Amino acid sequence: MRQVFLEKPWIYNKEPSEFAEIFVRYGRLERYKRGATLAHGGKNGRIYYLSEGLVSCSSVDRNGQSFTFCLIPPERVFSEIDGISRTIVNVYVTAIRPSTVYSLDFETWFKHLGSHQEDALTLQVMQNLIGKFESHMEAMIANYTLPLSERLRVFLKVLLTAYTDTISEWNEIPIYLSAQEYAELMGASRVSISRLTSKWQKEMLLRKEGRSIFVRAALFDSIYDWVESNSR
């Protein structure tokens, strides 16, 4: 899964409970409809904690093609990278499901999470920021270097392990994504995604029950992870 850094691609790790407590206590409760864009970066950009829903980070190239490089499930903080630098970057933060967040402005975030250099919580903030950069880079590296069949296998394993530490013979993917959403995450076409999942169905590596997708543990055989390879 990981080729260069320590964090897995596409999906951030959960935040410490202390982070959530600060956002809930001092933050502004906001609700977004599916498809809404969340303001971030610049002087008025806000930093968010996702309580419910699903958010993505994407960029649009010069041809108007959208590429999603980050999927954010609940219990994650996001937009603090450009929220801290207070710059505007070519990133769109979108609620891809109805979402509930708590948001902080920069001054409030800095007062409670960023102002004590020797504080253990502030150190955790910095480590998490680095981890998010690593996750972004790993996603981009995967999309540039891995064939579609391998990067989709990697993504499904990352998505699964974001919710559980145990992989069984058959495993339900915890979030429903459309073929188009998978395509944007994988830098591929919707048709290519559909063909690949149909192939796995025929090979008894994947099955669908309504909107639920189940994958067999064997689908993850031979996935390379440099951290695990060097720890053996």
C-alpha atoms as a PDB file:
ATOM      1  CA  MET A   1       0.000   0.000   0.000  1.00  0.00           C
ATOM      2  CA  ARG A   2       2.720   2.457   1.032  1.00  0.00           C
ATOM      3  CA  GLN A   3       5.551   2.984  -1.398  1.00  0.00           C
ATOM      4  CA  VAL A   4       7.527   5.900   0.084  1.00  0.00           C
ATOM      5  CA  PHE A   5       6.087   7.290   3.318  1.00  0.00           C
ATOM      6  CA  LEU A   6       4.533   5.979   6.538  1.00  0.00           C
ATOM      7  CA  GLU A   7       0.906   6.959   5.976  1.00  0.00           C
ATOM      8  CA  LYS A   8      -1.545   5.084   3.773  1.00  0.00           C
ATOM      9  CA  PRO A   9      -2.875   6.725   0.613  1.00  0.00           C
ATOM     10  CA  TRP A  10      -6.211   8.505   0.202  1.00  0.00           C
ATOM     11  CA  ILE A  11      -7.572   8.290   3.756  1.00  0.00           C
ATOM     12  CA  TYR A  12      -6.317  10.083   6.879  1.00  0.00           C
ATOM     13  CA  ASN A  13      -5.951   8.410  10.248  1.00  0.00           C
ATOM     14  CA  LYS A  14      -8.531   9.189  12.923  1.00  0.00           C
ATOM     15  CA  GLU A  15      -7.806  12.186  15.123  1.00  0.00           C
ATOM     16  CA  PRO A  16      -7.196  11.940  18.886  1.00  0.00           C
ATOM     17  CA  SER A  17     -10.336  12.427  20.948  1.00  0.00           C
ATOM     18  CA  GLU A  18      -8.819  15.643  22.366  1.00  0.00           C
ATOM     19  CA  PHE A  19      -9.054  17.214  18.901  1.00  0.00           C
ATOM     20  CA  ALA A  20     -12.745  16.404  18.624  1.00  0.00           C
ATOM     21  CA  GLU A  21     -13.431  17.868  22.069  1.00  0.00           C
ATOM     22  CA  ILE A  22     -11.841  21.196  21.096  1.00  0.00           C
ATOM     23  CA  PHE A  23     -13.810  21.450  17.851  1.00  0.00           C
ATOM     24  CA  VAL A  24     -17.091  20.548  19.547  1.00  0.00           C
ATOM     25  CA  ARG A  25     -16.490  22.959  22.423  1.00  0.00           C
ATOM     26  CA  TYR A  26     -15.247  25.991  20.491  1.00  0.00           C
ATOM     27  CA  GLY A  27     -16.348  25.300  16.926  1.00  0.00           C
ATOM     28  CA  ARG A  28     -19.313  26.324  14.842  1.00  0.00           C
ATOM     29  CA  LEU A  29     -21.752  23.552  13.925  1.00  0.00           C
ATOM     30  CA  GLU A  30     -22.381  23.483  10.173  1.00  0.00           C
ATOM     31  CA  ARG A  31     -24.368  21.159   7.923  1.00  0.00           C
ATOM     32  CA  TYR A  32     -23.760  20.744   4.206  1.00  0.00           C
ATOM     33  CA  LYS A  33     -25.860  19.182   1.500  1.00  0.00           C
ATOM     34  CA  ARG A  34     -24.391  16.681  -0.909  1.00  0.00           C
ATOM     35  CA  GLY A  35     -22.305  18.519  -3.502  1.00  0.00           C
ATOM     36  CA  ALA A  36     -21.692  21.601  -1.356  1.00  0.00           C
ATOM     37  CA  THR A  37     -18.218  23.155  -1.362  1.00  0.00           C
ATOM     38  CA  LEU A  38     -16.576  23.997   1.964  1.00  0.00           C
ATOM     39  CA  ALA A  39     -14.610  27.264   2.143  1.00  0.00           C
ATOM     40  CA  HIS A  40     -10.966  26.783   3.065  1.00  0.00           C
ATOM     41  CA  GLY A  41      -7.662  28.617   2.840  1.00  0.00           C
ATOM     42  CA  GLY A  42      -7.136  32.348   2.597  1.00  0.00           C
ATOM     43  CA  LYS A  43      -7.825  34.861   5.340  1.00  0.00           C
ATOM     44  CA  ASN A  44     -11.377  33.652   5.972  1.00  0.00           C
ATOM     45  CA  GLY A  45     -10.902  29.927   5.431  1.00  0.00           C
ATOM     46  CA  ARG A  46     -11.922  27.600   8.221  1.00  0.00           C
ATOM     47  CA  ILE A  47     -10.567  24.352   9.664  1.00  0.00           C
ATOM     48  CA  TYR A  48     -13.031  21.479  10.024  1.00  0.00           C
ATOM     49  CA  TYR A  49     -13.756  18.362  12.035  1.00  0.00           C
ATOM     50  CA  LEU A  50     -16.128  15.930  10.291  1.00  0.00           C
ATOM     51  CA  SER A  51     -18.742  14.525  12.643  1.00  0.00           C
ATOM     52  CA  GLU A  52     -20.982  12.811  10.075  1.00  0.00           C
ATOM     53  CA  GLY A  53     -20.948  12.302   6.324  1.00  0.00           C
ATOM     54  CA  LEU A  54     -18.194  12.040   3.730  1.00  0.00           C
ATOM     55  CA  VAL A  55     -15.927  14.698   2.215  1.00  0.00           C
ATOM     56  CA  SER A  56     -13.447  14.629  -0.644  1.00  0.00           C
ATOM     57  CA  CYS A  57     -10.496  16.770  -1.721  1.00  0.00           C
ATOM     58  CA  SER A  58      -9.945  17.140  -5.440  1.00  0.00           C
ATOM     59  CA  SER A  59      -8.083  19.211  -7.984  1.00  0.00           C
ATOM     60  CA  VAL A  60      -8.999  20.198 -11.525  1.00  0.00           C
ATOM     61  CA  ASP A  61      -6.378  20.137 -14.287  1.00  0.00           C
ATOM     62  CA  ARG A  62      -6.084  22.576 -17.175  1.00  0.00           C
ATOM     63  CA  ASN A  63      -8.442  20.423 -19.261  1.00  0.00           C
ATOM     64  CA  GLY A  64     -11.175  20.579 -16.639  1.00  0.00           C
ATOM     65  CA  GLN A  65     -10.653  16.989 -15.491  1.00  0.00           C
ATOM     66  CA  SER A  66     -11.274  16.433 -11.776  1.00  0.00           C
ATOM     67  CA  PHE A  67      -8.963  14.176  -9.759  1.00  0.00           C
ATOM     68  CA  THR A  68      -9.823  13.182  -6.195  1.00  0.00           C
ATOM     69  CA  PHE A  69      -6.760  12.543  -4.040  1.00  0.00           C
ATOM     70  CA  CYS A  70      -8.321  12.325  -0.583  1.00  0.00           C
ATOM     71  CA  LEU A  71     -11.454  10.770   0.901  1.00  0.00           C
ATOM     72  CA  ILE A  72     -12.383  11.932   4.402  1.00  0.00           C
ATOM     73  CA  PRO A  73     -14.648   9.779   6.604  1.00  0.00           C
ATOM     74  CA  PRO A  74     -15.924  10.995  10.000  1.00  0.00           C
ATOM     75  CA  GLU A  75     -13.631  11.695  12.971  1.00  0.00           C
ATOM     76  CA  ARG A  76     -11.028  13.473  10.844  1.00  0.00           C
ATOM     77  CA  VAL A  77      -9.801  17.075  10.809  1.00  0.00           C
ATOM     78  CA  PHE A  78      -9.285  18.615   7.387  1.00  0.00           C
ATOM     79  CA  SER A  79      -8.357  21.864   5.637  1.00  0.00           C
ATOM     80  CA  GLU A  80      -5.847  22.771   8.328  1.00  0.00           C
ATOM     81  CA  ILE A  81      -2.931  22.614   5.865  1.00  0.00           C
ATOM     82  CA  ASP A  82      -3.971  25.722   3.922  1.00  0.00           C
ATOM     83  CA  GLY A  83      -5.935  26.897   6.953  1.00  0.00           C
ATOM     84  CA  ILE A  84      -2.646  27.382   8.778  1.00  0.00           C
ATOM     85  CA  SER A  85      -0.747  28.869   5.832  1.00  0.00           C
ATOM     86  CA  ARG A  86      -3.857  30.967   4.983  1.00  0.00           C
ATOM     87  CA  THR A  87      -3.171  30.576   1.293  1.00  0.00           C
ATOM     88  CA  ILE A  88      -5.417  29.660  -1.625  1.00  0.00           C
ATOM     89  CA  VAL A  89      -4.570  26.436  -3.464  1.00  0.00           C
ATOM     90  CA  ASN A  90      -6.144  24.552  -6.390  1.00  0.00           C
ATOM     91  CA  VAL A  91      -8.080  22.175  -4.157  1.00  0.00           C
ATOM     92  CA  TYR A  92     -11.845  21.730  -3.906  1.00  0.00           C
ATOM     93  CA  VAL A  93     -13.244  20.388  -0.629  1.00  0.00           C
ATOM     94  CA  THR A  94     -16.658  18.892  -1.301  1.00  0.00           C
ATOM     95  CA  ALA A  95     -19.312  17.154   0.770  1.00  0.00           C
ATOM     96  CA  ILE A  96     -20.016  14.072  -1.340  1.00  0.00           C
ATOM     97  CA  ARG A  97     -22.645  12.966   1.155  1.00  0.00           C
ATOM     98  CA  PRO A  98     -24.778  15.140   3.495  1.00  0.00           C
ATOM     99  CA  SER A  99     -22.226  16.134   6.134  1.00  0.00           C
ATOM    100  CA  THR A 100     -22.056  17.658   9.593  1.00  0.00           C
ATOM    101  CA  VAL A 101     -18.892  19.473  10.674  1.00  0.00           C
ATOM    102  CA  TYR A 102     -17.560  21.644  13.446  1.00  0.00           C
ATOM    103  CA  SER A 103     -15.414  24.486  12.146  1.00  0.00           C
ATOM    104  CA  LEU A 104     -12.852  26.803  13.715  1.00  0.00           C
ATOM    105  CA  ASP A 105     -11.330  29.987  12.389  1.00  0.00           C
ATOM    106  CA  PHE A 106      -7.543  30.188  12.371  1.00  0.00           C
ATOM    107  CA  GLU A 107      -7.267  32.285  15.545  1.00  0.00           C
ATOM    108  CA  THR A 108      -9.372  29.879  17.591  1.00  0.00           C
ATOM    109  CA  TRP A 109      -7.555  26.854  16.166  1.00  0.00           C
ATOM    110  CA  PHE A 110      -4.174  28.422  16.939  1.00  0.00           C
ATOM    111  CA  LYS A 111      -5.159  29.373  20.480  1.00  0.00           C
ATOM    112  CA  HIS A 112      -6.263  25.873  21.444  1.00  0.00           C
ATOM    113  CA  LEU A 113      -4.173  23.603  19.211  1.00  0.00           C
ATOM    114  CA  GLY A 114      -1.230  25.414  17.694  1.00  0.00           C
ATOM    115  CA  SER A 115       0.302  27.845  20.163  1.00  0.00           C
ATOM    116  CA  HIS A 116       2.333  25.738  22.619  1.00  0.00           C
ATOM    117  CA  GLN A 117       5.460  24.355  20.970  1.00  0.00           C
ATOM    118  CA  GLU A 118       6.343  22.056  23.871  1.00  0.00           C
ATOM    119  CA  ASP A 119       2.826  20.807  24.394  1.00  0.00           C
ATOM    120  CA  ALA A 120       2.189  17.150  23.528  1.00  0.00           C
ATOM    121  CA  LEU A 121      -1.105  18.012  21.833  1.00  0.00           C
ATOM    122  CA  THR A 122       0.550  20.561  19.573  1.00  0.00           C
ATOM    123  CA  LEU A 123       3.224  17.995  18.686  1.00  0.00           C
ATOM    124  CA  GLN A 124       0.431  15.614  17.720  1.00  0.00           C
ATOM    125  CA  VAL A 125      -1.046  18.344  15.506  1.00  0.00           C
ATOM    126  CA  MET A 126       2.259  18.688  13.664  1.00  0.00           C
ATOM    127  CA  GLN A 127       2.642  14.931  13.270  1.00  0.00           C
ATOM    128  CA  ASN A 128      -0.878  14.673  11.887  1.00  0.00           C
ATOM    129  CA  LEU A 129      -0.202  17.456   9.396  1.00  0.00           C
ATOM    130  CA  ILE A 130       2.865  15.650   8.121  1.00  0.00           C
ATOM    131  CA  GLY A 131       0.833  12.446   7.928  1.00  0.00           C
ATOM    132  CA  LYS A 132      -1.779  14.145   5.749  1.00  0.00           C
ATOM    133  CA  PHE A 133       0.871  15.407   3.359  1.00  0.00           C
ATOM    134  CA  GLU A 134       2.214  11.861   3.199  1.00  0.00           C
ATOM    135  CA  SER A 135      -1.254  10.445   2.529  1.00  0.00           C
ATOM    136  CA  HIS A 136      -1.758  12.907  -0.349  1.00  0.00           C
ATOM    137  CA  MET A 137       1.627  12.022  -1.819  1.00  0.00           C
ATOM    138  CA  GLU A 138       1.040   8.284  -1.494  1.00  0.00           C
ATOM    139  CA  ALA A 139      -2.286   8.624  -3.343  1.00  0.00           C
ATOM    140  CA  MET A 140      -0.634  10.541  -6.171  1.00  0.00           C
ATOM    141  CA  ILE A 141       2.276   8.089  -6.334  1.00  0.00           C
ATOM    142  CA  ALA A 142      -0.167   5.166  -6.511  1.00  0.00           C
ATOM    143  CA  ASN A 143      -2.114   6.788  -9.339  1.00  0.00           C
ATOM    144  CA  TYR A 144       1.079   7.474 -11.294  1.00  0.00           C
ATOM    145  CA  THR A 145       2.920   4.185 -10.745  1.00  0.00           C
ATOM    146  CA  LEU A 146       0.402   1.370 -10.223  1.00  0.00           C
ATOM    147  CA  PRO A 147      -1.829  -0.222 -12.871  1.00  0.00           C
ATOM    148  CA  LEU A 148      -5.544   0.299 -12.258  1.00  0.00           C
ATOM    149  CA  SER A 149      -6.143  -3.244 -10.999  1.00  0.00           C
ATOM    150  CA  GLU A 150      -3.500  -2.846  -8.309  1.00  0.00           C
ATOM    151  CA  ARG A 151      -4.354   0.663  -7.203  1.00  0.00           C
ATOM    152  CA  LEU A 152      -8.038  -0.221  -6.848  1.00  0.00           C
ATOM    153  CA  ARG A 153      -7.084  -3.236  -4.739  1.00  0.00           C
ATOM    154  CA  VAL A 154      -4.915  -0.953  -2.622  1.00  0.00           C
ATOM    155  CA  PHE A 155      -7.702   1.606  -2.253  1.00  0.00           C
ATOM    156  CA  LEU A 156     -10.242  -1.015  -1.173  1.00  0.00           C
ATOM    157  CA  LYS A 157      -7.841  -2.340   1.458  1.00  0.00           C
ATOM    158  CA  VAL A 158      -7.108   1.168   2.738  1.00  0.00           C
ATOM    159  CA  LEU A 159     -10.839   1.909   2.899  1.00  0.00           C
ATOM    160  CA  LEU A 160     -11.528  -1.333   4.722  1.00  0.00           C
ATOM    161  CA  THR A 161      -8.699  -0.939   7.248  1.00  0.00           C
ATOM    162  CA  ALA A 162      -9.794   2.636   7.995  1.00  0.00           C
ATOM    163  CA  TYR A 163     -12.759   1.031   9.778  1.00  0.00           C
ATOM    164  CA  THR A 164     -11.444  -2.296  11.054  1.00  0.00           C
ATOM    165  CA  ASP A 165      -8.202  -3.976  12.074  1.00  0.00           C
ATOM    166  CA  THR A 166      -9.464  -7.418  11.095  1.00  0.00           C
ATOM    167  CA  ILE A 167      -9.770  -8.773   7.561  1.00  0.00           C
ATOM    168  CA  SER A 168     -11.990 -11.844   7.245  1.00  0.00           C
ATOM    169  CA  GLU A 169     -12.579 -14.243   4.352  1.00  0.00           C
ATOM    170  CA  TRP A 170     -15.330 -11.907   3.062  1.00  0.00           C
ATOM    171  CA  ASN A 171     -15.424  -8.215   3.995  1.00  0.00           C
ATOM    172  CA  GLU A 172     -18.061  -5.572   3.423  1.00  0.00           C
ATOM    173  CA  ILE A 173     -16.661  -2.296   2.099  1.00  0.00           C
ATOM    174  CA  PRO A 174     -17.826   0.210   4.752  1.00  0.00           C
ATOM    175  CA  ILE A 175     -18.674   3.103   2.405  1.00  0.00           C
ATOM    176  CA  TYR A 176     -20.763   2.959  -0.743  1.00  0.00           C
ATOM    177  CA  LEU A 177     -19.138   4.771  -3.657  1.00  0.00           C
ATOM    178  CA  SER A 178     -20.475   4.973  -7.185  1.00  0.00           C
ATOM    179  CA  ALA A 179     -18.425   3.788 -10.166  1.00  0.00           C
ATOM    180  CA  GLN A 180     -17.870   7.458 -11.074  1.00  0.00           C
ATOM    181  CA  GLU A 181     -16.547   8.237  -7.578  1.00  0.00           C
ATOM    182  CA  TYR A 182     -14.174   5.277  -7.761  1.00  0.00           C
ATOM    183  CA  ALA A 183     -13.071   6.500 -11.189  1.00  0.00           C
ATOM    184  CA  GLU A 184     -12.224   9.987  -9.889  1.00  0.00           C
ATOM    185  CA  LEU A 185     -10.257   8.517  -6.982  1.00  0.00           C
ATOM    186  CA  MET A 186      -8.359   6.116  -9.240  1.00  0.00           C
ATOM    187  CA  GLY A 187      -7.705   8.542 -12.080  1.00  0.00           C
ATOM    188  CA  ALA A 188      -9.562   6.172 -14.424  1.00  0.00           C
ATOM    189  CA  SER A 189     -12.763   6.010 -16.443  1.00  0.00           C
ATOM    190  CA  ARG A 190     -16.060   4.769 -15.050  1.00  0.00           C
ATOM    191  CA  VAL A 191     -16.147   2.080 -17.744  1.00  0.00           C
ATOM    192  CA  SER A 192     -12.713   0.786 -16.686  1.00  0.00           C
ATOM    193  CA  ILE A 193     -13.852   0.528 -13.074  1.00  0.00           C
ATOM    194  CA  SER A 194     -17.013  -1.348 -14.056  1.00  0.00           C
ATOM    195  CA  ARG A 195     -15.075  -3.788 -16.242  1.00  0.00           C
ATOM    196  CA  LEU A 196     -12.569  -4.484 -13.487  1.00  0.00           C
ATOM    197  CA  THR A 197     -15.168  -5.114 -10.785  1.00  0.00           C
ATOM    198  CA  SER A 198     -17.118  -7.375 -13.187  1.00  0.00           C
ATOM    199  CA  LYS A 199     -13.924  -9.369 -13.770  1.00  0.00           C
ATOM    200  CA  TRP A 200     -13.425  -9.770 -10.015  1.00  0.00           C
ATOM    201  CA  GLN A 201     -17.019 -10.910  -9.642  1.00  0.00           C
ATOM    202  CA  LYS A 202     -16.421 -13.674 -12.178  1.00  0.00           C
ATOM    203  CA  GLU A 203     -13.274 -14.679 -10.284  1.00  0.00           C
ATOM    204  CA  MET A 204     -15.243 -14.839  -6.995  1.00  0.00           C
ATOM    205  CA  LEU A 205     -13.121 -12.096  -5.462  1.00  0.00           C
ATOM    206  CA  LEU A 206     -15.958  -9.583  -5.200  1.00  0.00           C
ATOM    207  CA  ARG A 207     -19.712  -9.787  -4.858  1.00  0.00           C
ATOM    208  CA  LYS A 208     -22.523  -7.256  -4.733  1.00  0.00           C
ATOM    209  CA  GLU A 209     -25.653  -7.376  -2.607  1.00  0.00           C
ATOM    210  CA  GLY A 210     -27.812  -4.392  -3.486  1.00  0.00           C
ATOM    211  CA  ARG A 211     -25.635  -1.333  -2.883  1.00  0.00           C
ATOM    212  CA  SER A 212     -23.217  -3.287  -0.672  1.00  0.00           C
ATOM    213  CA  ILE A 213     -19.892  -4.583  -1.968  1.00  0.00           C
ATOM    214  CA  PHE A 214     -18.066  -7.510  -0.376  1.00  0.00           C
ATOM    215  CA  VAL A 215     -14.475  -8.391  -1.214  1.00  0.00           C
ATOM    216  CA  ARG A 216     -12.586 -11.573  -0.519  1.00  0.00           C
ATOM    217  CA  ALA A 217      -9.366 -11.453   1.475  1.00  0.00           C
ATOM    218  CA  ALA A 218      -7.573 -13.078  -1.465  1.00  0.00           C
ATOM    219  CA  LEU A 219      -8.085  -9.850  -3.431  1.00  0.00           C
ATOM    220  CA  PHE A 220      -5.414  -8.300  -1.221  1.00  0.00           C
ATOM    221  CA  ASP A 221      -2.806 -11.012  -1.751  1.00  0.00           C
ATOM    222  CA  SER A 222       0.566  -9.744  -2.953  1.00  0.00           C
ATOM    223  CA  ILE A 223      -0.168  -6.064  -2.282  1.00  0.00           C
ATOM    224  CA  TYR A 224       3.207  -4.458  -1.678  1.00  0.00           C
ATOM    225  CA  ASP A 225       3.796  -2.302   1.397  1.00  0.00           C
ATOM    226  CA  TRP A 226       7.333  -1.101   2.000  1.00  0.00           C
ATOM    227  CA  VAL A 227       6.795  -0.707   5.767  1.00  0.00           C
ATOM    228  CA  GLU A 228       5.549  -4.261   6.199  1.00  0.00           C
ATOM    229  CA  SER A 229       8.235  -5.643   3.872  1.00  0.00           C
ATOM    230  CA  ASN A 230      11.002  -4.044   5.903  1.00  0.00           C
ATOM    231  CA  SER A 231       9.589  -5.142   9.265  1.00  0.00           C
ATOM    232  CA  ARG A 232       9.774  -8.849   8.482  1.00  0.00           C
END
